[in-house]
């Protein structure tokens, strides 16, 4: 199963000719490629998979997704 995680862009940079960002996922910060979302900027919420920002999210959707990810799995 693949999982994309919402995070908030803190800073946009350029590294080796690629547009990147420092993205906060709760208490964790990671470097993410922004080449797929050229208009994304600081303060934007993005959905990230495998180090690439795939989609911009509004804050309500991002926080809802984070809540789902934080919920403990119910026994099946």
N, C-alpha and C. Protein backbone atom coordinates (compact mmCIF):
# COMPACT_ATOMS: atom_id res chain seq x y z
N UNK A 1 0.85 -1.17 0.00
CA UNK A 1 0.00 0.00 0.00
C UNK A 1 0.89 1.24 0.00
N UNK A 2 0.51 2.23 -0.78
CA UNK A 2 1.22 3.50 -0.82
C UNK A 2 0.47 4.51 0.03
N UNK A 3 1.21 5.40 0.64
CA UNK A 3 0.59 6.39 1.52
C UNK A 3 1.16 7.76 1.21
N UNK A 4 0.28 8.71 0.98
CA UNK A 4 0.68 10.11 0.82
C UNK A 4 0.27 10.82 2.11
N UNK A 5 1.11 11.73 2.57
CA UNK A 5 0.93 12.38 3.86
C UNK A 5 0.86 13.89 3.67
N UNK A 6 -0.08 14.56 4.36
CA UNK A 6 -0.16 16.01 4.26
C UNK A 6 0.91 16.69 5.11
N UNK A 7 1.46 17.76 4.57
CA UNK A 7 2.44 18.57 5.30
C UNK A 7 2.33 20.01 4.87
N UNK A 8 2.92 20.89 5.67
CA UNK A 8 2.84 22.33 5.38
C UNK A 8 4.22 22.84 4.97
N UNK A 9 4.26 23.57 3.86
CA UNK A 9 5.53 24.12 3.36
C UNK A 9 5.98 25.25 4.29
N UNK A 10 7.23 25.13 4.77
CA UNK A 10 7.81 26.17 5.61
C UNK A 10 8.71 27.11 4.80
N UNK A 11 9.44 26.53 3.85
CA UNK A 11 10.40 27.34 3.08
C UNK A 11 10.60 26.70 1.71
N UNK A 12 10.76 27.52 0.70
CA UNK A 12 11.03 27.03 -0.66
C UNK A 12 12.47 27.39 -1.02
N UNK A 13 13.16 26.44 -1.64
CA UNK A 13 14.56 26.62 -2.04
C UNK A 13 14.75 26.06 -3.44
N UNK A 14 15.96 26.21 -3.94
CA UNK A 14 16.35 25.55 -5.18
C UNK A 14 17.63 24.78 -4.89
N UNK A 15 17.64 23.50 -5.23
CA UNK A 15 18.80 22.65 -5.02
C UNK A 15 19.14 21.95 -6.32
N UNK A 16 20.35 22.19 -6.80
CA UNK A 16 20.83 21.55 -8.03
C UNK A 16 19.84 21.72 -9.18
N UNK A 17 19.26 22.91 -9.29
CA UNK A 17 18.34 23.21 -10.38
C UNK A 17 16.91 22.74 -10.18
N UNK A 18 16.62 22.14 -9.02
CA UNK A 18 15.26 21.67 -8.73
C UNK A 18 14.63 22.52 -7.64
N UNK A 19 13.36 22.81 -7.80
CA UNK A 19 12.61 23.55 -6.78
C UNK A 19 12.23 22.58 -5.66
N UNK A 20 12.65 22.89 -4.44
CA UNK A 20 12.38 22.04 -3.29
C UNK A 20 11.78 22.87 -2.17
N UNK A 21 11.32 22.18 -1.14
CA UNK A 21 10.76 22.87 0.02
C UNK A 21 11.08 22.09 1.28
N UNK A 22 11.15 22.81 2.39
CA UNK A 22 11.17 22.17 3.70
C UNK A 22 9.71 22.10 4.12
N UNK A 23 9.24 20.87 4.36
CA UNK A 23 7.84 20.63 4.69
C UNK A 23 7.74 20.03 6.08
N UNK A 24 6.82 20.57 6.88
CA UNK A 24 6.60 20.08 8.25
C UNK A 24 5.44 19.09 8.26
N UNK A 25 5.70 17.93 8.85
CA UNK A 25 4.69 16.89 9.05
C UNK A 25 4.57 16.69 10.55
N UNK A 26 3.78 17.52 11.20
CA UNK A 26 3.74 17.45 12.66
C UNK A 26 5.09 17.93 13.19
N UNK A 27 5.80 17.08 13.93
CA UNK A 27 7.10 17.46 14.48
C UNK A 27 8.28 17.09 13.59
N UNK A 28 8.04 16.52 12.43
CA UNK A 28 9.10 16.08 11.53
C UNK A 28 9.16 17.01 10.33
N UNK A 29 10.38 17.36 9.91
CA UNK A 29 10.56 18.21 8.74
C UNK A 29 11.38 17.46 7.70
N UNK A 30 10.94 17.52 6.46
CA UNK A 30 11.62 16.81 5.38
C UNK A 30 11.78 17.71 4.17
N UNK A 31 12.80 17.42 3.36
CA UNK A 31 13.00 18.10 2.09
C UNK A 31 12.13 17.40 1.05
N UNK A 32 11.35 18.18 0.29
CA UNK A 32 10.39 17.64 -0.67
C UNK A 32 10.58 18.34 -2.01
N UNK A 33 10.47 17.59 -3.10
CA UNK A 33 10.55 18.15 -4.44
C UNK A 33 9.23 18.83 -4.79
N UNK A 34 9.30 20.07 -5.28
CA UNK A 34 8.11 20.83 -5.66
C UNK A 34 7.95 20.98 -7.17
N UNK A 35 8.74 20.27 -7.94
CA UNK A 35 8.69 20.42 -9.40
C UNK A 35 7.29 20.14 -9.95
N UNK A 36 6.52 19.28 -9.31
CA UNK A 36 5.18 18.95 -9.79
C UNK A 36 4.13 20.01 -9.42
N UNK A 37 4.49 20.90 -8.49
CA UNK A 37 3.58 21.97 -8.05
C UNK A 37 4.32 23.31 -8.09
N UNK A 38 4.55 23.86 -9.27
CA UNK A 38 5.37 25.06 -9.37
C UNK A 38 4.81 26.29 -8.66
N UNK A 39 3.50 26.33 -8.39
CA UNK A 39 2.93 27.51 -7.73
C UNK A 39 2.84 27.37 -6.21
N UNK A 40 3.21 26.23 -5.66
CA UNK A 40 3.12 26.03 -4.21
C UNK A 40 4.19 26.87 -3.51
N UNK A 41 3.82 27.39 -2.34
CA UNK A 41 4.76 28.24 -1.61
C UNK A 41 4.59 28.11 -0.11
N UNK A 42 5.37 28.87 0.65
CA UNK A 42 5.31 28.81 2.10
C UNK A 42 3.89 29.01 2.63
N UNK A 43 3.52 28.16 3.58
CA UNK A 43 2.19 28.22 4.16
C UNK A 43 1.19 27.29 3.50
N UNK A 44 1.50 26.83 2.28
CA UNK A 44 0.59 25.92 1.58
C UNK A 44 0.69 24.52 2.18
N UNK A 45 -0.44 23.83 2.19
CA UNK A 45 -0.50 22.42 2.56
C UNK A 45 -0.37 21.61 1.29
N UNK A 46 0.45 20.55 1.34
CA UNK A 46 0.64 19.69 0.18
C UNK A 46 0.54 18.23 0.61
N UNK A 47 0.15 17.40 -0.33
CA UNK A 47 0.09 15.96 -0.13
C UNK A 47 1.40 15.40 -0.71
N UNK A 48 2.17 14.68 0.12
CA UNK A 48 3.51 14.25 -0.27
C UNK A 48 3.60 12.72 -0.29
N UNK A 49 4.20 12.20 -1.34
CA UNK A 49 4.47 10.76 -1.44
C UNK A 49 5.87 10.58 -2.01
N UNK A 50 6.67 9.75 -1.35
CA UNK A 50 8.02 9.41 -1.83
C UNK A 50 8.87 10.64 -2.12
N UNK A 51 8.71 11.70 -1.31
CA UNK A 51 9.53 12.89 -1.46
C UNK A 51 9.06 13.89 -2.50
N UNK A 52 7.88 13.66 -3.09
CA UNK A 52 7.34 14.57 -4.09
C UNK A 52 6.00 15.12 -3.64
N UNK A 53 5.82 16.44 -3.77
CA UNK A 53 4.53 17.06 -3.51
C UNK A 53 3.63 16.76 -4.70
N UNK A 54 2.50 16.11 -4.44
CA UNK A 54 1.61 15.68 -5.52
C UNK A 54 0.42 16.60 -5.74
N UNK A 55 -0.03 17.25 -4.66
CA UNK A 55 -1.27 18.02 -4.75
C UNK A 55 -1.30 19.04 -3.63
N UNK A 56 -1.87 20.22 -3.94
CA UNK A 56 -2.11 21.21 -2.89
C UNK A 56 -3.42 20.86 -2.21
N UNK A 57 -3.51 21.12 -0.91
CA UNK A 57 -4.71 20.86 -0.12
C UNK A 57 -5.11 22.13 0.60
N UNK A 58 -6.43 22.29 0.83
CA UNK A 58 -6.81 23.37 1.72
C UNK A 58 -6.57 22.89 3.16
N UNK A 59 -6.50 23.82 4.07
CA UNK A 59 -6.13 23.48 5.45
C UNK A 59 -7.11 22.51 6.09
N UNK A 60 -8.40 22.67 5.84
CA UNK A 60 -9.39 21.76 6.43
C UNK A 60 -9.15 20.32 5.99
N UNK A 61 -8.91 20.11 4.70
CA UNK A 61 -8.66 18.76 4.18
C UNK A 61 -7.37 18.19 4.75
N UNK A 62 -6.33 19.02 4.84
CA UNK A 62 -5.05 18.56 5.38
C UNK A 62 -5.18 18.12 6.83
N UNK A 63 -5.87 18.92 7.63
CA UNK A 63 -6.02 18.58 9.04
C UNK A 63 -6.91 17.36 9.23
N UNK A 64 -7.92 17.20 8.37
CA UNK A 64 -8.76 16.01 8.44
C UNK A 64 -7.94 14.75 8.13
N UNK A 65 -7.11 14.82 7.09
CA UNK A 65 -6.26 13.69 6.75
C UNK A 65 -5.29 13.36 7.87
N UNK A 66 -4.68 14.39 8.46
CA UNK A 66 -3.76 14.15 9.58
C UNK A 66 -4.47 13.47 10.73
N UNK A 67 -5.73 13.86 10.98
CA UNK A 67 -6.51 13.23 12.03
C UNK A 67 -6.76 11.76 11.75
N UNK A 68 -7.07 11.44 10.50
CA UNK A 68 -7.28 10.03 10.13
C UNK A 68 -6.00 9.23 10.33
N UNK A 69 -4.86 9.81 9.97
CA UNK A 69 -3.59 9.10 10.10
C UNK A 69 -3.20 8.89 11.56
N UNK A 70 -3.68 9.78 12.43
CA UNK A 70 -3.32 9.68 13.85
C UNK A 70 -4.22 8.73 14.62
N UNK A 71 -5.38 8.37 14.04
CA UNK A 71 -6.31 7.49 14.73
C UNK A 71 -5.72 6.09 14.85
N UNK A 72 -5.87 5.48 16.04
CA UNK A 72 -5.39 4.10 16.17
C UNK A 72 -6.26 3.18 15.32
N UNK A 73 -5.61 2.17 14.77
CA UNK A 73 -6.32 1.22 13.93
C UNK A 73 -7.23 0.35 14.80
N UNK A 74 -8.47 0.19 14.37
CA UNK A 74 -9.39 -0.66 15.12
C UNK A 74 -9.10 -2.11 14.77
N UNK A 75 -9.25 -2.99 15.74
CA UNK A 75 -8.97 -4.40 15.52
C UNK A 75 -9.91 -5.00 14.50
N UNK A 76 -9.40 -5.82 13.62
CA UNK A 76 -10.24 -6.44 12.60
C UNK A 76 -10.26 -7.94 12.77
